């Protein structure tokens, strides 16, 4: 088990404070994972066209501060209660939407667009409790999709 499991950790993140303005590298706090969540140490990430569209806030709800980077690769740092298929040290690629494993779409061989965890880019928080796990300058920082790969560490559903 990780020495930081169950603790708030601090890491660097590229934070967007307003539409189209330069991202700012700042320290953020990442809360421990809750039930059925995983905290990752991000090793690699990138901004894709979708991230840029949300950063520019063209045609989307301007939701700031925000951390982008839903295309990432990392290592499981700690797991929340009920997580049985991942353990600290596992190498992972987070995805932009989770899977409940119970709905029609999750059980389908043709789609992984979960009915429960479907994409809602205006949410910016965890579905389980409506909170973010990222805190920066005492602000609850939002993310796009259910992944924010531009902090060095993140919690994913």
N, C-alpha and C. Protein backbone atom coordinates (compact mmCIF):
# COMPACT_ATOMS: atom_id res chain seq x y z
N UNK A 1 0.84 -1.18 0.00
CA UNK A 1 0.00 0.00 0.00
C UNK A 1 0.88 1.25 0.00
N UNK A 2 0.43 2.28 -0.68
CA UNK A 2 1.17 3.52 -0.79
C UNK A 2 1.26 4.23 0.57
N UNK A 3 2.37 4.90 0.80
CA UNK A 3 2.55 5.66 2.05
C UNK A 3 1.58 6.83 2.14
N UNK A 4 1.01 7.25 1.00
CA UNK A 4 0.10 8.39 1.01
C UNK A 4 -1.37 7.97 0.93
N UNK A 5 -1.64 6.67 0.91
CA UNK A 5 -3.02 6.20 0.85
C UNK A 5 -3.82 6.78 2.00
N UNK A 6 -5.01 7.28 1.69
CA UNK A 6 -5.89 7.84 2.70
C UNK A 6 -5.57 9.27 3.10
N UNK A 7 -4.54 9.85 2.50
CA UNK A 7 -4.14 11.21 2.85
C UNK A 7 -4.34 12.15 1.66
N UNK A 8 -4.54 13.42 1.95
CA UNK A 8 -4.52 14.44 0.91
C UNK A 8 -3.08 14.59 0.47
N UNK A 9 -2.84 14.63 -0.83
CA UNK A 9 -1.48 14.83 -1.34
C UNK A 9 -1.43 16.13 -2.15
N UNK A 10 -0.24 16.66 -2.30
CA UNK A 10 -0.03 17.88 -3.09
C UNK A 10 0.78 17.52 -4.33
N UNK A 11 0.41 18.15 -5.45
CA UNK A 11 1.16 17.94 -6.68
C UNK A 11 1.02 19.16 -7.56
N UNK A 12 1.77 19.20 -8.65
CA UNK A 12 1.68 20.29 -9.62
C UNK A 12 0.58 19.98 -10.64
N UNK A 13 -0.08 21.03 -11.12
CA UNK A 13 -1.12 20.88 -12.14
C UNK A 13 -1.13 22.11 -13.03
N UNK A 14 -1.57 21.93 -14.26
CA UNK A 14 -1.78 23.04 -15.19
C UNK A 14 -3.24 23.46 -15.05
N UNK A 15 -3.47 24.62 -14.45
CA UNK A 15 -4.82 25.08 -14.11
C UNK A 15 -5.25 26.19 -15.07
N UNK A 16 -6.47 26.06 -15.59
CA UNK A 16 -7.08 27.12 -16.39
C UNK A 16 -7.98 27.92 -15.47
N UNK A 17 -7.73 29.21 -15.36
CA UNK A 17 -8.53 30.07 -14.49
C UNK A 17 -9.61 30.81 -15.26
N UNK A 18 -9.41 30.97 -16.58
CA UNK A 18 -10.45 31.59 -17.40
C UNK A 18 -10.24 31.21 -18.86
N UNK A 19 -11.28 31.41 -19.63
CA UNK A 19 -11.28 30.97 -21.02
C UNK A 19 -10.15 31.60 -21.82
N UNK A 20 -9.39 30.73 -22.52
CA UNK A 20 -8.38 31.18 -23.45
C UNK A 20 -7.12 31.76 -22.84
N UNK A 21 -7.06 31.92 -21.54
CA UNK A 21 -5.87 32.46 -20.89
C UNK A 21 -4.86 31.34 -20.68
N UNK A 22 -3.57 31.66 -20.62
CA UNK A 22 -2.54 30.62 -20.43
C UNK A 22 -2.81 29.77 -19.19
N UNK A 23 -2.53 28.48 -19.31
CA UNK A 23 -2.62 27.58 -18.17
C UNK A 23 -1.50 27.94 -17.19
N UNK A 24 -1.78 27.82 -15.91
CA UNK A 24 -0.82 28.18 -14.87
C UNK A 24 -0.41 26.92 -14.11
N UNK A 25 0.90 26.68 -14.04
CA UNK A 25 1.39 25.53 -13.27
C UNK A 25 1.38 25.93 -11.80
N UNK A 26 0.55 25.22 -11.02
CA UNK A 26 0.37 25.54 -9.62
C UNK A 26 0.28 24.25 -8.81
N UNK A 27 0.44 24.39 -7.50
CA UNK A 27 0.27 23.25 -6.62
C UNK A 27 -1.21 23.07 -6.31
N UNK A 28 -1.69 21.83 -6.39
CA UNK A 28 -3.06 21.49 -6.03
C UNK A 28 -3.04 20.39 -4.99
N UNK A 29 -4.13 20.29 -4.26
CA UNK A 29 -4.31 19.20 -3.32
C UNK A 29 -5.24 18.18 -3.95
N UNK A 30 -4.90 16.92 -3.81
CA UNK A 30 -5.72 15.84 -4.35
C UNK A 30 -6.18 14.99 -3.18
N UNK A 31 -7.50 14.94 -2.99
CA UNK A 31 -8.05 14.17 -1.88
C UNK A 31 -7.92 12.67 -2.14
N UNK A 32 -7.99 11.87 -1.10
CA UNK A 32 -7.92 10.43 -1.29
C UNK A 32 -9.16 9.91 -2.04
N UNK A 33 -9.03 8.77 -2.69
CA UNK A 33 -10.18 8.21 -3.39
C UNK A 33 -11.27 7.76 -2.41
N UNK A 34 -12.51 7.96 -2.80
CA UNK A 34 -13.65 7.50 -2.02
C UNK A 34 -14.09 6.13 -2.56
N UNK A 35 -15.23 5.67 -2.13
CA UNK A 35 -15.74 4.37 -2.53
C UNK A 35 -15.78 4.25 -4.06
N UNK A 36 -15.21 3.18 -4.58
CA UNK A 36 -15.18 2.85 -6.01
C UNK A 36 -14.41 3.86 -6.85
N UNK A 37 -13.44 4.56 -6.25
CA UNK A 37 -12.58 5.50 -6.96
C UNK A 37 -11.13 5.06 -6.85
N UNK A 38 -10.30 5.58 -7.76
CA UNK A 38 -8.88 5.25 -7.80
C UNK A 38 -8.09 6.55 -7.92
N UNK A 39 -7.00 6.68 -7.17
CA UNK A 39 -6.11 7.84 -7.32
C UNK A 39 -4.90 7.39 -8.10
N UNK A 40 -4.54 8.16 -9.14
CA UNK A 40 -3.46 7.81 -10.04
C UNK A 40 -2.31 8.81 -9.95
N UNK A 41 -1.10 8.31 -10.14
CA UNK A 41 0.08 9.15 -10.36
C UNK A 41 0.21 9.26 -11.87
N UNK A 42 -0.01 10.45 -12.41
CA UNK A 42 0.02 10.65 -13.85
C UNK A 42 1.46 10.78 -14.33
N UNK A 43 1.83 9.98 -15.30
CA UNK A 43 3.18 10.01 -15.86
C UNK A 43 3.24 10.76 -17.19
N UNK A 44 2.17 10.62 -18.00
CA UNK A 44 2.12 11.24 -19.33
C UNK A 44 0.71 11.73 -19.58
N UNK A 45 0.60 12.87 -20.23
CA UNK A 45 -0.72 13.38 -20.60
C UNK A 45 -0.57 14.34 -21.78
N UNK A 46 -1.70 14.72 -22.34
CA UNK A 46 -1.67 15.66 -23.46
C UNK A 46 -2.99 16.42 -23.49
N UNK A 47 -3.00 17.51 -24.21
CA UNK A 47 -4.24 18.23 -24.48
C UNK A 47 -4.70 17.84 -25.87
N UNK A 48 -5.94 17.43 -26.00
CA UNK A 48 -6.48 17.12 -27.31
C UNK A 48 -7.38 18.28 -27.76
N UNK A 49 -7.91 18.15 -28.96
CA UNK A 49 -8.77 19.20 -29.53
C UNK A 49 -9.96 19.48 -28.62
N UNK A 50 -10.53 18.43 -28.02
CA UNK A 50 -11.68 18.61 -27.13
C UNK A 50 -11.30 19.46 -25.92
N UNK A 51 -10.16 19.18 -25.31
CA UNK A 51 -9.69 19.99 -24.19
C UNK A 51 -9.56 21.46 -24.60
N UNK A 52 -8.97 21.70 -25.76
CA UNK A 52 -8.77 23.07 -26.23
C UNK A 52 -10.11 23.78 -26.41
N UNK A 53 -11.12 23.07 -26.95
CA UNK A 53 -12.45 23.67 -27.11
C UNK A 53 -13.04 24.09 -25.77
N UNK A 54 -12.89 23.25 -24.75
CA UNK A 54 -13.41 23.60 -23.43
C UNK A 54 -12.59 24.71 -22.78
N UNK A 55 -11.29 24.71 -23.02
CA UNK A 55 -10.44 25.76 -22.49
C UNK A 55 -10.84 27.11 -23.09
N UNK A 56 -11.13 27.12 -24.38
CA UNK A 56 -11.56 28.35 -25.04
C UNK A 56 -13.00 28.71 -24.71
N UNK A 57 -13.77 27.75 -24.18
CA UNK A 57 -15.18 27.93 -23.80
C UNK A 57 -16.03 28.38 -24.98
N UNK A 58 -15.76 27.84 -26.16
CA UNK A 58 -16.54 28.16 -27.35
C UNK A 58 -17.63 27.09 -27.51
N UNK A 59 -18.86 27.49 -27.25
CA UNK A 59 -19.98 26.57 -27.39
C UNK A 59 -20.20 25.68 -26.18
N UNK A 60 -19.43 25.89 -25.11
CA UNK A 60 -19.58 25.13 -23.88
C UNK A 60 -19.78 26.08 -22.71
N UNK A 61 -20.25 25.53 -21.63
CA UNK A 61 -20.38 26.31 -20.40
C UNK A 61 -18.98 26.64 -19.88
N UNK A 62 -18.76 27.90 -19.60
CA UNK A 62 -17.47 28.33 -19.06
C UNK A 62 -17.42 27.94 -17.59
N UNK A 63 -16.66 26.90 -17.27
CA UNK A 63 -16.60 26.35 -15.93
C UNK A 63 -15.14 26.39 -15.47
N UNK A 64 -14.80 27.34 -14.61
CA UNK A 64 -13.43 27.53 -14.17
C UNK A 64 -13.37 27.72 -12.67
N UNK A 65 -12.25 27.46 -12.00
CA UNK A 65 -11.01 26.91 -12.55
C UNK A 65 -11.22 25.46 -12.99
N UNK A 66 -10.41 25.04 -13.96
CA UNK A 66 -10.55 23.71 -14.54
C UNK A 66 -9.18 23.14 -14.86
N UNK A 67 -9.07 21.82 -14.78
CA UNK A 67 -7.84 21.11 -15.14
C UNK A 67 -8.18 20.15 -16.27
N UNK A 68 -7.40 20.20 -17.32
CA UNK A 68 -7.66 19.39 -18.51
C UNK A 68 -6.73 18.18 -18.59
N UNK A 69 -6.84 17.46 -19.69
CA UNK A 69 -5.94 16.35 -19.94
C UNK A 69 -6.57 14.99 -19.74
N UNK A 70 -7.66 14.70 -20.48
CA UNK A 70 -8.33 13.41 -20.29
C UNK A 70 -7.64 12.26 -21.04
N UNK A 71 -6.59 12.54 -21.75
CA UNK A 71 -5.80 11.49 -22.40
C UNK A 71 -4.49 11.39 -21.63
N UNK A 72 -4.37 10.34 -20.79
CA UNK A 72 -3.23 10.26 -19.87
C UNK A 72 -2.82 8.81 -19.65
N UNK A 73 -1.67 8.65 -19.03
CA UNK A 73 -1.19 7.34 -18.61
C UNK A 73 -0.54 7.49 -17.25
N UNK A 74 -0.76 6.50 -16.39
CA UNK A 74 -0.19 6.62 -15.06
C UNK A 74 -0.17 5.31 -14.31
N UNK A 75 0.06 5.42 -13.01
CA UNK A 75 0.17 4.27 -12.11
C UNK A 75 -0.82 4.47 -10.97
N UNK A 76 -1.52 3.40 -10.59
CA UNK A 76 -2.44 3.48 -9.47
C UNK A 76 -1.65 3.78 -8.20
N UNK A 77 -2.03 4.86 -7.52
CA UNK A 77 -1.37 5.27 -6.28
C UNK A 77 -2.11 4.68 -5.08
N UNK A 78 -3.45 4.74 -5.10
CA UNK A 78 -4.26 4.16 -4.03
C UNK A 78 -5.66 3.92 -4.56
N UNK A 79 -6.40 3.05 -3.88
CA UNK A 79 -7.76 2.72 -4.30
C UNK A 79 -8.73 2.94 -3.15
N UNK A 80 -9.97 3.28 -3.52
CA UNK A 80 -11.01 3.45 -2.52
C UNK A 80 -11.70 2.13 -2.20
N UNK A 81 -12.56 2.18 -1.21
CA UNK A 81 -13.32 1.02 -0.78
C UNK A 81 -14.08 0.40 -1.96
N UNK A 82 -14.06 -0.91 -2.05
CA UNK A 82 -14.81 -1.62 -3.07
C UNK A 82 -14.08 -1.84 -4.38
N UNK A 83 -12.95 -1.21 -4.59
CA UNK A 83 -12.18 -1.40 -5.82
C UNK A 83 -11.42 -2.72 -5.69
N UNK A 84 -11.73 -3.66 -6.60
CA UNK A 84 -11.10 -4.98 -6.52
C UNK A 84 -10.30 -5.33 -7.76
N UNK A 85 -10.52 -4.61 -8.85
CA UNK A 85 -9.85 -4.98 -10.09
C UNK A 85 -8.57 -4.18 -10.36
N UNK A 86 -8.22 -3.26 -9.47
CA UNK A 86 -6.97 -2.51 -9.58
C UNK A 86 -6.31 -2.47 -8.21
N UNK A 87 -4.99 -2.34 -8.23
CA UNK A 87 -4.26 -2.21 -6.97
C UNK A 87 -3.09 -1.25 -7.16
N UNK A 88 -2.58 -0.67 -6.07
CA UNK A 88 -1.45 0.25 -6.19
C UNK A 88 -0.31 -0.40 -6.98
N UNK A 89 0.26 0.40 -7.89
CA UNK A 89 1.35 -0.08 -8.73
C UNK A 89 0.92 -0.50 -10.12
N UNK A 90 -0.38 -0.73 -10.34
CA UNK A 90 -0.88 -1.10 -11.67
C UNK A 90 -0.70 0.08 -12.64
N UNK A 91 -0.29 -0.21 -13.85
CA UNK A 91 -0.19 0.80 -14.90
C UNK A 91 -1.54 0.89 -15.59
N UNK A 92 -2.03 2.13 -15.79
CA UNK A 92 -3.37 2.32 -16.33
C UNK A 92 -3.43 3.46 -17.34
N UNK A 93 -4.45 3.41 -18.16
CA UNK A 93 -4.82 4.50 -19.07
C UNK A 93 -6.23 4.91 -18.68
N UNK A 94 -6.40 6.05 -18.01
CA UNK A 94 -7.76 6.46 -17.64
C UNK A 94 -8.58 6.78 -18.88
N UNK A 95 -9.87 6.56 -18.79
CA UNK A 95 -10.77 6.85 -19.91
C UNK A 95 -11.68 8.01 -19.52
N UNK A 96 -12.28 8.65 -20.52
CA UNK A 96 -13.06 9.86 -20.27
C UNK A 96 -14.42 9.59 -19.67
N UNK A 97 -14.86 8.36 -19.64
CA UNK A 97 -16.13 8.03 -19.00
C UNK A 97 -16.00 6.66 -18.35
N UNK A 98 -16.63 6.50 -17.22
CA UNK A 98 -16.55 5.23 -16.51
C UNK A 98 -17.54 4.20 -17.03
N UNK A 99 -17.53 3.06 -16.41
CA UNK A 99 -18.46 1.98 -16.74
C UNK A 99 -19.05 1.43 -15.45
N UNK A 100 -20.39 1.39 -15.38
CA UNK A 100 -21.05 0.84 -14.20
C UNK A 100 -21.06 -0.69 -14.23
N UNK A 101 -20.86 -1.26 -15.41
CA UNK A 101 -20.83 -2.70 -15.66
C UNK A 101 -22.19 -3.37 -15.55
N UNK A 102 -23.26 -2.57 -15.36
CA UNK A 102 -24.59 -3.14 -15.17
C UNK A 102 -25.61 -2.70 -16.22
N UNK A 103 -25.46 -1.52 -16.80
CA UNK A 103 -26.47 -1.01 -17.73
C UNK A 103 -26.38 -1.71 -19.09
N UNK A 104 -27.35 -1.46 -19.94
CA UNK A 104 -27.43 -2.06 -21.28
C UNK A 104 -26.16 -1.79 -22.08
N UNK A 105 -25.69 -0.55 -22.05
CA UNK A 105 -24.51 -0.19 -22.84
C UNK A 105 -23.25 -0.91 -22.35
N UNK A 106 -23.08 -0.98 -21.03
CA UNK A 106 -21.89 -1.64 -20.48
C UNK A 106 -21.87 -3.14 -20.79
N UNK A 107 -23.05 -3.74 -20.86
CA UNK A 107 -23.14 -5.17 -21.15
C UNK A 107 -23.10 -5.46 -22.65
N UNK A 108 -23.21 -4.41 -23.46
CA UNK A 108 -23.21 -4.56 -24.91
C UNK A 108 -21.80 -4.74 -25.45
N UNK A 109 -21.66 -5.51 -26.49
CA UNK A 109 -20.36 -5.65 -27.15
C UNK A 109 -20.15 -4.54 -28.17
N UNK A 110 -21.13 -3.66 -28.34
CA UNK A 110 -21.06 -2.62 -29.37
C UNK A 110 -20.84 -1.21 -28.82
N UNK A 111 -20.95 -1.01 -27.51
CA UNK A 111 -20.84 0.34 -26.96
C UNK A 111 -20.28 0.30 -25.55
N UNK A 112 -19.55 1.33 -25.20
CA UNK A 112 -19.12 1.47 -23.80
C UNK A 112 -19.59 2.81 -23.25
N UNK A 113 -20.59 3.39 -23.83
CA UNK A 113 -21.09 4.69 -23.39
C UNK A 113 -22.13 4.47 -22.29
N UNK A 114 -21.66 4.25 -21.09
CA UNK A 114 -22.46 3.92 -19.92
C UNK A 114 -23.64 4.87 -19.73
N UNK A 115 -24.81 4.30 -19.46
CA UNK A 115 -26.01 5.11 -19.22
C UNK A 115 -25.91 5.90 -17.92
N UNK A 116 -25.31 5.32 -16.89
CA UNK A 116 -25.18 5.98 -15.59
C UNK A 116 -24.08 7.04 -15.60
N UNK A 117 -22.92 6.70 -16.16
CA UNK A 117 -21.75 7.58 -16.11
C UNK A 117 -21.51 8.32 -17.41
N UNK A 118 -22.55 8.51 -18.19
CA UNK A 118 -22.41 9.16 -19.51
C UNK A 118 -21.74 10.53 -19.39
N UNK A 119 -21.20 10.96 -20.49
CA UNK A 119 -20.47 12.22 -20.53
C UNK A 119 -21.38 13.40 -20.20
N UNK A 120 -20.93 14.22 -19.27
CA UNK A 120 -21.59 15.46 -18.93
C UNK A 120 -20.47 16.45 -18.64
N UNK A 121 -20.07 17.19 -19.64
CA UNK A 121 -18.91 18.06 -19.51
C UNK A 121 -19.17 19.29 -18.64
N UNK A 122 -20.43 19.55 -18.32
CA UNK A 122 -20.75 20.67 -17.44
C UNK A 122 -20.69 20.26 -15.97
N UNK A 123 -20.57 18.97 -15.71
CA UNK A 123 -20.58 18.48 -14.33
C UNK A 123 -19.29 18.89 -13.62
N UNK A 124 -18.15 18.44 -14.10
CA UNK A 124 -16.86 18.83 -13.53
C UNK A 124 -16.59 18.31 -12.14
N UNK A 125 -17.43 17.38 -11.65
CA UNK A 125 -17.29 16.82 -10.31
C UNK A 125 -17.56 15.32 -10.36
N UNK A 126 -17.33 14.64 -9.25
CA UNK A 126 -17.58 13.21 -9.17
C UNK A 126 -19.08 12.94 -9.09
N UNK A 127 -19.52 11.89 -9.75
CA UNK A 127 -20.93 11.53 -9.75
C UNK A 127 -21.39 11.05 -8.37
N UNK A 128 -20.53 10.35 -7.66
CA UNK A 128 -20.91 9.72 -6.39
C UNK A 128 -21.38 10.71 -5.33
N UNK A 129 -20.74 11.88 -5.26
CA UNK A 129 -21.10 12.83 -4.20
C UNK A 129 -21.17 14.28 -4.67
N UNK A 130 -21.01 14.51 -5.97
CA UNK A 130 -21.10 15.88 -6.49
C UNK A 130 -19.95 16.78 -6.09
N UNK A 131 -18.84 16.20 -5.66
CA UNK A 131 -17.68 16.98 -5.24
C UNK A 131 -16.50 16.71 -6.16
N UNK A 132 -15.56 17.62 -6.16
CA UNK A 132 -14.31 17.42 -6.88
C UNK A 132 -13.30 16.86 -5.88
N UNK A 133 -12.25 16.24 -6.37
CA UNK A 133 -11.19 15.77 -5.48
C UNK A 133 -9.95 16.66 -5.60
N UNK A 134 -10.08 17.76 -6.37
CA UNK A 134 -8.96 18.66 -6.63
C UNK A 134 -9.23 20.02 -6.00
N UNK A 135 -8.29 20.48 -5.17
CA UNK A 135 -8.45 21.77 -4.52
C UNK A 135 -7.22 22.61 -4.83
N UNK A 136 -7.46 23.85 -5.27
CA UNK A 136 -6.37 24.73 -5.64
C UNK A 136 -6.71 26.13 -5.15
N UNK A 137 -5.81 26.73 -4.41
CA UNK A 137 -6.02 28.08 -3.84
C UNK A 137 -7.37 28.15 -3.12
N UNK A 138 -7.73 27.12 -2.44
CA UNK A 138 -8.99 27.01 -1.70
C UNK A 138 -10.21 26.99 -2.61
N UNK A 139 -10.01 26.80 -3.91
CA UNK A 139 -11.11 26.64 -4.85
C UNK A 139 -11.29 25.16 -5.16
N UNK A 140 -12.52 24.72 -5.27
CA UNK A 140 -12.78 23.37 -5.73
C UNK A 140 -12.64 23.39 -7.24
N UNK A 141 -11.63 22.71 -7.76
CA UNK A 141 -11.28 22.78 -9.17
C UNK A 141 -12.02 21.72 -9.96
N UNK A 142 -12.63 22.12 -11.06
CA UNK A 142 -13.42 21.24 -11.91
C UNK A 142 -12.52 20.54 -12.92
N UNK A 143 -13.06 19.50 -13.57
CA UNK A 143 -12.33 18.82 -14.62
C UNK A 143 -13.28 18.50 -15.77
N UNK A 144 -12.73 18.20 -16.93
CA UNK A 144 -13.53 17.83 -18.09
C UNK A 144 -13.68 16.32 -18.08
N UNK A 145 -14.85 15.83 -18.46
CA UNK A 145 -15.16 14.41 -18.41
C UNK A 145 -14.95 13.94 -16.97
N UNK A 146 -14.42 12.78 -16.74
CA UNK A 146 -14.15 12.31 -15.38
C UNK A 146 -12.65 12.16 -15.16
N UNK A 147 -11.86 12.81 -16.01
CA UNK A 147 -10.41 12.70 -15.92
C UNK A 147 -9.79 14.09 -16.02
N UNK A 148 -8.78 14.34 -15.23
CA UNK A 148 -7.99 15.57 -15.34
C UNK A 148 -6.54 15.13 -15.25
N UNK A 149 -5.91 14.91 -16.38
CA UNK A 149 -4.56 14.36 -16.40
C UNK A 149 -3.46 15.38 -16.24
N UNK A 150 -3.80 16.66 -16.17
CA UNK A 150 -2.75 17.65 -16.03
C UNK A 150 -2.34 17.95 -14.60
N UNK A 151 -2.98 17.35 -13.59
CA UNK A 151 -2.28 17.34 -12.31
C UNK A 151 -1.37 16.11 -12.32
N UNK A 152 -0.36 16.10 -11.51
CA UNK A 152 0.50 14.92 -11.45
C UNK A 152 -0.22 13.73 -10.81
N UNK A 153 -1.24 14.01 -10.02
CA UNK A 153 -2.03 12.96 -9.39
C UNK A 153 -3.50 13.30 -9.57
N UNK A 154 -4.35 12.30 -9.71
CA UNK A 154 -5.77 12.56 -9.83
C UNK A 154 -6.56 11.42 -9.27
N UNK A 155 -7.84 11.69 -9.00
CA UNK A 155 -8.76 10.65 -8.57
C UNK A 155 -9.75 10.43 -9.70
N UNK A 156 -9.98 9.18 -10.04
CA UNK A 156 -10.90 8.86 -11.11
C UNK A 156 -11.94 7.87 -10.63
N UNK A 157 -13.16 8.07 -11.09
CA UNK A 157 -14.26 7.15 -10.80
C UNK A 157 -14.04 5.86 -11.54
